[in-house]
Amino acid sequence: MIEALPIQPDEICEVLNMKVYPNPLFSQGKRSNCQISYDVPLDKPGEISIYNIKGQFQQKWQINGTGELRLDTSNYNSGVYLLQLKSAGKEIERKLSIVK
């Protein structure tokens, strides 16, 4: 027999999630957009920042809850970029490769 245990609100796990598609991105003409989907706790707004391989800041978005961003990479050079999601005192990172 399986018994459900009560969960208190302060015991709920606050999970951060971020996916980047397509990755690698073969950027050509109209195909210069990639999609960033994210999931952060509703009561803990966050931000997604992009840095180039040298650690130089490129762009930032303020986010909340679950959603998607469309990143136009037409002004980005070929290379590897780091996407960093911060929320609720936690942080996750993903790499994005852009090929032109």
C-alpha atoms as a PDB file:
ATOM      1  CA  MET A   1       0.000   0.000   0.000  1.00  0.00           C
ATOM      2  CA  ILE A   2       1.278   3.444  -0.936  1.00  0.00           C
ATOM      3  CA  GLU A   3       0.580   6.247   1.481  1.00  0.00           C
ATOM      4  CA  ALA A   4       0.689   9.914   0.481  1.00  0.00           C
ATOM      5  CA  LEU A   5       2.621  12.136   2.811  1.00  0.00           C
ATOM      6  CA  PRO A   6       1.524  15.737   3.389  1.00  0.00           C
ATOM      7  CA  ILE A   7       3.876  18.394   2.015  1.00  0.00           C
ATOM      8  CA  GLN A   8       4.253  21.765   3.631  1.00  0.00           C
ATOM      9  CA  PRO A   9       4.589  24.797   1.303  1.00  0.00           C
ATOM     10  CA  ASP A  10       8.138  25.487   2.494  1.00  0.00           C
ATOM     11  CA  GLU A  11       9.153  21.917   1.563  1.00  0.00           C
ATOM     12  CA  ILE A  12       8.292  22.247  -2.131  1.00  0.00           C
ATOM     13  CA  CYS A  13      11.381  21.913  -4.296  1.00  0.00           C
ATOM     14  CA  GLU A  14      12.087  25.030  -6.328  1.00  0.00           C
ATOM     15  CA  VAL A  15      13.336  23.738  -9.661  1.00  0.00           C
ATOM     16  CA  LEU A  16      14.932  25.839 -12.376  1.00  0.00           C
ATOM     17  CA  ASN A  17      14.829  24.637 -15.968  1.00  0.00           C
ATOM     18  CA  MET A  18      16.127  26.082 -19.236  1.00  0.00           C
ATOM     19  CA  LYS A  19      16.343  24.570 -22.738  1.00  0.00           C
ATOM     20  CA  VAL A  20      17.856  26.034 -25.903  1.00  0.00           C
ATOM     21  CA  TYR A  21      16.733  24.909 -29.377  1.00  0.00           C
ATOM     22  CA  PRO A  22      18.210  24.435 -31.912  1.00  0.00           C
ATOM     23  CA  ASN A  23      21.651  23.901 -30.507  1.00  0.00           C
ATOM     24  CA  PRO A  24      23.965  24.172 -32.338  1.00  0.00           C
ATOM     25  CA  LEU A  25      22.295  26.958 -34.306  1.00  0.00           C
ATOM     26  CA  PHE A  26      23.327  27.156 -37.966  1.00  0.00           C
ATOM     27  CA  SER A  27      22.502  30.834 -38.462  1.00  0.00           C
ATOM     28  CA  GLN A  28      21.717  31.846 -42.062  1.00  0.00           C
ATOM     29  CA  GLY A  29      19.364  34.636 -43.151  1.00  0.00           C
ATOM     30  CA  LYS A  30      15.920  34.054 -41.677  1.00  0.00           C
ATOM     31  CA  ARG A  31      17.224  31.091 -39.701  1.00  0.00           C
ATOM     32  CA  SER A  32      18.987  33.257 -37.132  1.00  0.00           C
ATOM     33  CA  ASN A  33      16.604  32.707 -34.223  1.00  0.00           C
ATOM     34  CA  CYS A  34      16.857  30.205 -31.421  1.00  0.00           C
ATOM     35  CA  GLN A  35      14.240  29.479 -28.790  1.00  0.00           C
ATOM     36  CA  ILE A  36      14.976  29.561 -25.065  1.00  0.00           C
ATOM     37  CA  SER A  37      12.337  27.933 -22.876  1.00  0.00           C
ATOM     38  CA  TYR A  38      12.474  28.401 -19.114  1.00  0.00           C
ATOM     39  CA  ASP A  39      10.712  27.467 -15.900  1.00  0.00           C
ATOM     40  CA  VAL A  40      11.241  29.266 -12.577  1.00  0.00           C
ATOM     41  CA  PRO A  41       9.047  29.497  -9.447  1.00  0.00           C
ATOM     42  CA  LEU A  42       6.217  32.025  -9.940  1.00  0.00           C
ATOM     43  CA  ASP A  43       7.005  33.821  -6.694  1.00  0.00           C
ATOM     44  CA  LYS A  44      10.743  34.040  -7.461  1.00  0.00           C
ATOM     45  CA  PRO A  45      11.363  36.211 -10.555  1.00  0.00           C
ATOM     46  CA  GLY A  46      14.641  35.608 -12.316  1.00  0.00           C
ATOM     47  CA  GLU A  47      16.822  36.608 -15.199  1.00  0.00           C
ATOM     48  CA  ILE A  48      18.532  35.020 -18.173  1.00  0.00           C
ATOM     49  CA  SER A  49      21.860  36.506 -19.259  1.00  0.00           C
ATOM     50  CA  ILE A  50      24.057  35.689 -22.238  1.00  0.00           C
ATOM     51  CA  TYR A  51      27.859  35.911 -22.231  1.00  0.00           C
ATOM     52  CA  ASN A  52      30.350  35.185 -24.988  1.00  0.00           C
ATOM     53  CA  ILE A  53      33.169  32.687 -24.486  1.00  0.00           C
ATOM     54  CA  LYS A  54      35.384  35.495 -23.130  1.00  0.00           C
ATOM     55  CA  GLY A  55      32.830  36.208 -20.383  1.00  0.00           C
ATOM     56  CA  GLN A  56      31.659  39.485 -21.946  1.00  0.00           C
ATOM     57  CA  PHE A  57      27.998  40.331 -21.285  1.00  0.00           C
ATOM     58  CA  GLN A  58      25.769  40.289 -24.392  1.00  0.00           C
ATOM     59  CA  GLN A  59      22.095  40.513 -23.373  1.00  0.00           C
ATOM     60  CA  LYS A  60      19.665  40.037 -20.439  1.00  0.00           C
ATOM     61  CA  TRP A  61      15.946  39.313 -19.893  1.00  0.00           C
ATOM     62  CA  GLN A  62      13.821  39.508 -16.752  1.00  0.00           C
ATOM     63  CA  ILE A  63      11.603  36.407 -16.452  1.00  0.00           C
ATOM     64  CA  ASN A  64       8.915  34.926 -14.221  1.00  0.00           C
ATOM     65  CA  GLY A  65       7.130  31.554 -14.230  1.00  0.00           C
ATOM     66  CA  THR A  66       7.183  29.462 -17.401  1.00  0.00           C
ATOM     67  CA  GLY A  67       7.748  30.885 -20.869  1.00  0.00           C
ATOM     68  CA  GLU A  68       9.829  31.170 -24.004  1.00  0.00           C
ATOM     69  CA  LEU A  69      12.197  33.742 -25.443  1.00  0.00           C
ATOM     70  CA  ARG A  70      13.258  34.094 -29.037  1.00  0.00           C
ATOM     71  CA  LEU A  71      16.894  35.087 -29.432  1.00  0.00           C
ATOM     72  CA  ASP A  72      17.809  36.825 -32.690  1.00  0.00           C
ATOM     73  CA  THR A  73      21.432  35.880 -33.314  1.00  0.00           C
ATOM     74  CA  SER A  74      21.874  37.851 -36.542  1.00  0.00           C
ATOM     75  CA  ASN A  75      24.228  40.286 -34.736  1.00  0.00           C
ATOM     76  CA  TYR A  76      26.162  37.544 -32.936  1.00  0.00           C
ATOM     77  CA  ASN A  77      29.445  36.128 -34.225  1.00  0.00           C
ATOM     78  CA  SER A  78      30.049  32.412 -34.669  1.00  0.00           C
ATOM     79  CA  GLY A  79      31.150  30.826 -31.423  1.00  0.00           C
ATOM     80  CA  VAL A  80      30.112  29.412 -28.080  1.00  0.00           C
ATOM     81  CA  TYR A  81      27.914  31.449 -25.742  1.00  0.00           C
ATOM     82  CA  LEU A  82      26.921  30.837 -22.136  1.00  0.00           C
ATOM     83  CA  LEU A  83      23.282  31.287 -21.090  1.00  0.00           C
ATOM     84  CA  GLN A  84      22.857  31.767 -17.362  1.00  0.00           C
ATOM     85  CA  LEU A  85      19.504  31.543 -15.553  1.00  0.00           C
ATOM     86  CA  LYS A  86      19.319  32.928 -11.991  1.00  0.00           C
ATOM     87  CA  SER A  87      16.302  32.721  -9.671  1.00  0.00           C
ATOM     88  CA  ALA A  88      15.591  32.047  -6.002  1.00  0.00           C
ATOM     89  CA  GLY A  89      19.293  32.189  -5.125  1.00  0.00           C
ATOM     90  CA  LYS A  90      20.033  29.353  -7.570  1.00  0.00           C
ATOM     91  CA  GLU A  91      21.737  29.303 -10.950  1.00  0.00           C
ATOM     92  CA  ILE A  92      21.924  27.019 -13.983  1.00  0.00           C
ATOM     93  CA  GLU A  93      23.916  27.416 -17.188  1.00  0.00           C
ATOM     94  CA  ARG A  94      23.617  26.147 -20.748  1.00  0.00           C
ATOM     95  CA  LYS A  95      25.948  26.508 -23.729  1.00  0.00           C
ATOM     96  CA  LEU A  96      24.796  27.717 -27.131  1.00  0.00           C
ATOM     97  CA  SER A  97      26.903  27.177 -30.255  1.00  0.00           C
ATOM     98  CA  ILE A  98      26.318  29.527 -33.190  1.00  0.00           C
ATOM     99  CA  VAL A  99      27.682  28.608 -36.615  1.00  0.00           C
ATOM    100  CA  LYS A 100      27.490  31.097 -39.512  1.00  0.00           C
END
